[in-house]
Amino acid sequence: MPLGSIPEPEDEADAQTRDVYALFGLAYYMSQVLEHTLVNLITLAQLTRPHTVPAGVTTQDELWSRAFKLTLGNLVRQLPTDFYDTSVVASKLSAAVDTRNDLAHRFFRERAESFLTARGRAAMVVYLEDAREQFSEAETMLTTIYRFHGRKVGIAEEAIQREYERVKHEAGTDI
């Protein structure tokens, strides 16, 4: 079998197992998208409030570099509370941190027996689909907040889209 190829499932159990692994990857990927959005939002907050920039930091890249070293929970704690005005944001982010930590530290260990049955794997699939959706909703909410604050300091939606298209072009992507 060539490197990177995934064998066709031999039966329904194999198909379910493949789906669990694939959905785990997708859910965890979405947690990282959420982390990246938090980093962007925290960096924007720091750039618009010079008094919050750590001593010795002089560039946006340095702010990003520091923020990317933080865990999701620490990123949430770094987010200025006056950048959003509802407890819904705090609640969704707290739940996202809990779910992400479950995925990272306990998901397969705590579901080892469930993984052995069709019903257990089906429950894992549902959990992973819900986790992906939870991360996606939280990320969309933060993107809206980022765009709101970005517009206030002159970051136009068109500029964001141009940068996205530039990155896609440089990567040679077909999406």
C-alpha atoms as a PDB file:
ATOM      1  CA  MET A   1       0.000   0.000   0.000  1.00  0.00           C
ATOM      2  CA  PRO A   2       1.485   3.403  -0.962  1.00  0.00           C
ATOM      3  CA  LEU A   3       2.466   5.769   1.817  1.00  0.00           C
ATOM      4  CA  GLY A   4      -0.478   7.898   2.920  1.00  0.00           C
ATOM      5  CA  SER A   5      -3.147   5.719   1.387  1.00  0.00           C
ATOM      6  CA  ILE A   6      -6.025   4.536   3.509  1.00  0.00           C
ATOM      7  CA  PRO A   7      -7.196   0.974   2.946  1.00  0.00           C
ATOM      8  CA  GLU A   8     -10.799   0.390   2.062  1.00  0.00           C
ATOM      9  CA  PRO A   9     -12.752  -0.829   5.075  1.00  0.00           C
ATOM     10  CA  GLU A  10     -13.353  -4.565   5.092  1.00  0.00           C
ATOM     11  CA  ASP A  11     -16.608  -4.315   7.018  1.00  0.00           C
ATOM     12  CA  GLU A  12     -18.899  -1.904   8.865  1.00  0.00           C
ATOM     13  CA  ALA A  13     -16.719  -1.992  11.995  1.00  0.00           C
ATOM     14  CA  ASP A  14     -13.704  -0.925   9.931  1.00  0.00           C
ATOM     15  CA  ALA A  15     -15.738   1.871   8.337  1.00  0.00           C
ATOM     16  CA  GLN A  16     -16.920   3.123  11.711  1.00  0.00           C
ATOM     17  CA  THR A  17     -13.380   2.983  13.102  1.00  0.00           C
ATOM     18  CA  ARG A  18     -12.101   4.974  10.118  1.00  0.00           C
ATOM     19  CA  ASP A  19     -14.880   7.531  10.661  1.00  0.00           C
ATOM     20  CA  VAL A  20     -13.999   7.926  14.335  1.00  0.00           C
ATOM     21  CA  TYR A  21     -10.361   8.624  13.487  1.00  0.00           C
ATOM     22  CA  ALA A  22     -11.258  10.984  10.637  1.00  0.00           C
ATOM     23  CA  LEU A  23     -13.792  12.899  12.708  1.00  0.00           C
ATOM     24  CA  PHE A  24     -11.330  13.117  15.588  1.00  0.00           C
ATOM     25  CA  GLY A  25      -8.859  14.735  13.201  1.00  0.00           C
ATOM     26  CA  LEU A  26     -11.462  17.151  11.894  1.00  0.00           C
ATOM     27  CA  ALA A  27     -12.639  18.121  15.385  1.00  0.00           C
ATOM     28  CA  TYR A  28      -9.080  18.633  16.593  1.00  0.00           C
ATOM     29  CA  TYR A  29      -8.269  20.646  13.470  1.00  0.00           C
ATOM     30  CA  MET A  30     -11.222  22.934  14.221  1.00  0.00           C
ATOM     31  CA  SER A  31      -9.922  23.424  17.765  1.00  0.00           C
ATOM     32  CA  GLN A  32      -6.664  24.655  16.226  1.00  0.00           C
ATOM     33  CA  VAL A  33      -8.567  27.006  13.912  1.00  0.00           C
ATOM     34  CA  LEU A  34     -10.240  28.383  17.041  1.00  0.00           C
ATOM     35  CA  GLU A  35      -6.815  28.787  18.686  1.00  0.00           C
ATOM     36  CA  HIS A  36      -5.524  30.682  15.668  1.00  0.00           C
ATOM     37  CA  THR A  37      -8.524  33.018  15.704  1.00  0.00           C
ATOM     38  CA  LEU A  38      -7.930  33.678  19.403  1.00  0.00           C
ATOM     39  CA  VAL A  39      -4.278  34.484  18.655  1.00  0.00           C
ATOM     40  CA  ASN A  40      -5.361  36.927  15.940  1.00  0.00           C
ATOM     41  CA  LEU A  41      -7.899  38.571  18.237  1.00  0.00           C
ATOM     42  CA  ILE A  42      -5.465  38.855  21.161  1.00  0.00           C
ATOM     43  CA  THR A  43      -2.819  40.295  18.831  1.00  0.00           C
ATOM     44  CA  LEU A  44      -5.314  42.832  17.491  1.00  0.00           C
ATOM     45  CA  ALA A  45      -6.237  43.810  21.046  1.00  0.00           C
ATOM     46  CA  GLN A  46      -2.583  44.289  21.961  1.00  0.00           C
ATOM     47  CA  LEU A  47      -1.837  46.298  18.824  1.00  0.00           C
ATOM     48  CA  THR A  48      -4.737  48.640  19.556  1.00  0.00           C
ATOM     49  CA  ARG A  49      -3.641  48.978  23.191  1.00  0.00           C
ATOM     50  CA  PRO A  50       0.106  49.535  23.294  1.00  0.00           C
ATOM     51  CA  HIS A  51       0.116  49.454  27.119  1.00  0.00           C
ATOM     52  CA  THR A  52      -0.817  45.742  26.954  1.00  0.00           C
ATOM     53  CA  VAL A  53       2.153  44.737  24.780  1.00  0.00           C
ATOM     54  CA  PRO A  54       4.763  42.830  26.805  1.00  0.00           C
ATOM     55  CA  ALA A  55       8.047  44.638  27.395  1.00  0.00           C
ATOM     56  CA  GLY A  56      10.583  44.113  24.650  1.00  0.00           C
ATOM     57  CA  VAL A  57       8.054  43.074  22.004  1.00  0.00           C
ATOM     58  CA  THR A  58       8.308  45.328  18.957  1.00  0.00           C
ATOM     59  CA  THR A  59       6.557  43.532  16.088  1.00  0.00           C
ATOM     60  CA  GLN A  60       3.275  41.854  15.298  1.00  0.00           C
ATOM     61  CA  ASP A  61       5.168  38.661  14.500  1.00  0.00           C
ATOM     62  CA  GLU A  62       6.606  38.649  18.030  1.00  0.00           C
ATOM     63  CA  LEU A  63       3.102  39.018  19.477  1.00  0.00           C
ATOM     64  CA  TRP A  64       1.908  36.101  17.348  1.00  0.00           C
ATOM     65  CA  SER A  65       4.912  33.995  18.278  1.00  0.00           C
ATOM     66  CA  ARG A  66       4.279  34.533  21.994  1.00  0.00           C
ATOM     67  CA  ALA A  67       0.569  33.846  21.698  1.00  0.00           C
ATOM     68  CA  PHE A  68       1.055  30.647  19.687  1.00  0.00           C
ATOM     69  CA  LYS A  69       3.030  29.223  22.613  1.00  0.00           C
ATOM     70  CA  LEU A  70      -0.022  29.449  24.888  1.00  0.00           C
ATOM     71  CA  THR A  71      -2.547  26.697  25.474  1.00  0.00           C
ATOM     72  CA  LEU A  72      -6.164  27.217  24.444  1.00  0.00           C
ATOM     73  CA  GLY A  73      -7.148  27.838  28.067  1.00  0.00           C
ATOM     74  CA  ASN A  74      -4.431  30.458  28.492  1.00  0.00           C
ATOM     75  CA  LEU A  75      -5.438  32.117  25.230  1.00  0.00           C
ATOM     76  CA  VAL A  76      -9.014  32.406  26.473  1.00  0.00           C
ATOM     77  CA  ARG A  77      -7.749  33.983  29.707  1.00  0.00           C
ATOM     78  CA  GLN A  78      -5.664  36.475  27.672  1.00  0.00           C
ATOM     79  CA  LEU A  79      -8.659  37.684  25.662  1.00  0.00           C
ATOM     80  CA  PRO A  80      -9.632  41.149  26.933  1.00  0.00           C
ATOM     81  CA  THR A  81     -13.106  40.977  28.411  1.00  0.00           C
ATOM     82  CA  ASP A  82     -14.009  44.413  27.069  1.00  0.00           C
ATOM     83  CA  PHE A  83     -13.531  43.086  23.532  1.00  0.00           C
ATOM     84  CA  TYR A  84     -16.848  41.280  23.842  1.00  0.00           C
ATOM     85  CA  ASP A  85     -19.931  42.135  25.828  1.00  0.00           C
ATOM     86  CA  THR A  86     -21.773  38.956  26.665  1.00  0.00           C
ATOM     87  CA  SER A  87     -21.344  36.031  28.971  1.00  0.00           C
ATOM     88  CA  VAL A  88     -22.278  33.856  25.979  1.00  0.00           C
ATOM     89  CA  VAL A  89     -18.762  34.340  24.587  1.00  0.00           C
ATOM     90  CA  ALA A  90     -17.116  33.362  27.866  1.00  0.00           C
ATOM     91  CA  SER A  91     -19.429  30.364  28.248  1.00  0.00           C
ATOM     92  CA  LYS A  92     -18.818  29.088  24.691  1.00  0.00           C
ATOM     93  CA  LEU A  93     -15.059  29.503  25.048  1.00  0.00           C
ATOM     94  CA  SER A  94     -14.997  27.746  28.414  1.00  0.00           C
ATOM     95  CA  ALA A  95     -16.961  24.834  26.957  1.00  0.00           C
ATOM     96  CA  ALA A  96     -14.626  24.729  23.945  1.00  0.00           C
ATOM     97  CA  VAL A  97     -11.591  24.529  26.241  1.00  0.00           C
ATOM     98  CA  ASP A  98     -13.182  21.642  28.152  1.00  0.00           C
ATOM     99  CA  THR A  99     -13.998  19.775  24.935  1.00  0.00           C
ATOM    100  CA  ARG A 100     -10.560  20.384  23.458  1.00  0.00           C
ATOM    101  CA  ASN A 101      -8.911  19.145  26.650  1.00  0.00           C
ATOM    102  CA  ASP A 102     -11.087  16.039  26.541  1.00  0.00           C
ATOM    103  CA  LEU A 103      -9.976  15.384  22.973  1.00  0.00           C
ATOM    104  CA  ALA A 104      -6.318  16.002  23.727  1.00  0.00           C
ATOM    105  CA  HIS A 105      -6.020  14.187  27.033  1.00  0.00           C
ATOM    106  CA  ARG A 106      -8.814  11.679  27.523  1.00  0.00           C
ATOM    107  CA  PHE A 107     -10.913  10.976  24.436  1.00  0.00           C
ATOM    108  CA  PHE A 108      -9.614   7.548  23.386  1.00  0.00           C
ATOM    109  CA  ARG A 109      -8.496   6.446  26.842  1.00  0.00           C
ATOM    110  CA  GLU A 110     -11.892   7.052  28.422  1.00  0.00           C
ATOM    111  CA  ARG A 111     -13.727   5.485  25.500  1.00  0.00           C
ATOM    112  CA  ALA A 112     -11.531   2.419  24.985  1.00  0.00           C
ATOM    113  CA  GLU A 113     -14.383   0.024  25.710  1.00  0.00           C
ATOM    114  CA  SER A 114     -16.870   2.051  23.661  1.00  0.00           C
ATOM    115  CA  PHE A 115     -14.507   1.825  20.709  1.00  0.00           C
ATOM    116  CA  LEU A 116     -15.037  -1.944  20.696  1.00  0.00           C
ATOM    117  CA  THR A 117     -18.759  -1.847  19.842  1.00  0.00           C
ATOM    118  CA  ALA A 118     -20.833  -0.411  17.008  1.00  0.00           C
ATOM    119  CA  ARG A 119     -23.017   1.487  19.488  1.00  0.00           C
ATOM    120  CA  GLY A 120     -19.948   2.894  21.247  1.00  0.00           C
ATOM    121  CA  ARG A 121     -18.319   3.997  17.994  1.00  0.00           C
ATOM    122  CA  ALA A 122     -21.607   5.589  16.902  1.00  0.00           C
ATOM    123  CA  ALA A 123     -21.673   7.576  20.167  1.00  0.00           C
ATOM    124  CA  MET A 124     -18.067   8.647  19.572  1.00  0.00           C
ATOM    125  CA  VAL A 125     -19.003   9.844  16.079  1.00  0.00           C
ATOM    126  CA  VAL A 126     -21.844  11.938  17.486  1.00  0.00           C
ATOM    127  CA  TYR A 127     -19.548  13.423  20.145  1.00  0.00           C
ATOM    128  CA  LEU A 128     -16.889  14.288  17.569  1.00  0.00           C
ATOM    129  CA  GLU A 129     -19.401  15.860  15.190  1.00  0.00           C
ATOM    130  CA  ASP A 130     -20.743  17.947  18.085  1.00  0.00           C
ATOM    131  CA  ALA A 131     -17.204  18.925  19.100  1.00  0.00           C
ATOM    132  CA  ARG A 132     -16.360  20.068  15.582  1.00  0.00           C
ATOM    133  CA  GLU A 133     -19.543  22.127  15.469  1.00  0.00           C
ATOM    134  CA  GLN A 134     -18.825  23.602  18.913  1.00  0.00           C
ATOM    135  CA  PHE A 135     -15.353  24.742  17.816  1.00  0.00           C
ATOM    136  CA  SER A 136     -16.718  26.071  14.536  1.00  0.00           C
ATOM    137  CA  GLU A 137     -19.442  28.103  16.260  1.00  0.00           C
ATOM    138  CA  ALA A 138     -16.961  29.559  18.754  1.00  0.00           C
ATOM    139  CA  GLU A 139     -14.537  30.419  15.943  1.00  0.00           C
ATOM    140  CA  THR A 140     -17.271  32.086  13.888  1.00  0.00           C
ATOM    141  CA  MET A 141     -18.289  34.138  16.919  1.00  0.00           C
ATOM    142  CA  LEU A 142     -14.677  35.260  17.487  1.00  0.00           C
ATOM    143  CA  THR A 143     -14.228  36.058  13.799  1.00  0.00           C
ATOM    144  CA  THR A 144     -17.234  38.362  14.008  1.00  0.00           C
ATOM    145  CA  ILE A 145     -15.686  40.090  17.031  1.00  0.00           C
ATOM    146  CA  TYR A 146     -12.333  40.338  15.223  1.00  0.00           C
ATOM    147  CA  ARG A 147     -13.928  41.899  12.154  1.00  0.00           C
ATOM    148  CA  PHE A 148     -15.853  44.392  14.291  1.00  0.00           C
ATOM    149  CA  HIS A 149     -12.712  45.564  16.113  1.00  0.00           C
ATOM    150  CA  GLY A 150     -10.613  45.314  12.961  1.00  0.00           C
ATOM    151  CA  ARG A 151     -12.926  47.694  11.086  1.00  0.00           C
ATOM    152  CA  LYS A 152     -12.528  50.205  13.920  1.00  0.00           C
ATOM    153  CA  VAL A 153      -8.767  50.312  13.262  1.00  0.00           C
ATOM    154  CA  GLY A 154      -8.984  50.211   9.476  1.00  0.00           C
ATOM    155  CA  ILE A 155      -8.753  46.498   8.661  1.00  0.00           C
ATOM    156  CA  ALA A 156     -11.126  46.141   5.727  1.00  0.00           C
ATOM    157  CA  GLU A 157     -12.831  42.868   4.859  1.00  0.00           C
ATOM    158  CA  GLU A 158     -11.452  43.247   1.335  1.00  0.00           C
ATOM    159  CA  ALA A 159      -7.896  43.327   2.704  1.00  0.00           C
ATOM    160  CA  ILE A 160      -8.509  40.106   4.645  1.00  0.00           C
ATOM    161  CA  GLN A 161      -9.908  38.436   1.530  1.00  0.00           C
ATOM    162  CA  ARG A 162      -6.968  39.649  -0.601  1.00  0.00           C
ATOM    163  CA  GLU A 163      -4.518  38.200   1.923  1.00  0.00           C
ATOM    164  CA  TYR A 164      -6.398  34.893   1.949  1.00  0.00           C
ATOM    165  CA  GLU A 165      -6.290  34.752  -1.858  1.00  0.00           C
ATOM    166  CA  ARG A 166      -2.560  35.625  -1.844  1.00  0.00           C
ATOM    167  CA  VAL A 167      -1.789  32.807   0.584  1.00  0.00           C
ATOM    168  CA  LYS A 168      -3.837  30.335  -1.449  1.00  0.00           C
ATOM    169  CA  HIS A 169      -2.056  31.399  -4.628  1.00  0.00           C
ATOM    170  CA  GLU A 170       1.407  31.063  -3.058  1.00  0.00           C
ATOM    171  CA  ALA A 171       0.492  27.618  -1.735  1.00  0.00           C
ATOM    172  CA  GLY A 172      -0.676  26.569  -5.190  1.00  0.00           C
ATOM    173  CA  THR A 173      -3.945  25.351  -3.751  1.00  0.00           C
ATOM    174  CA  ASP A 174      -6.911  24.342  -5.841  1.00  0.00           C
ATOM    175  CA  ILE A 175      -9.575  25.146  -3.248  1.00  0.00           C
END
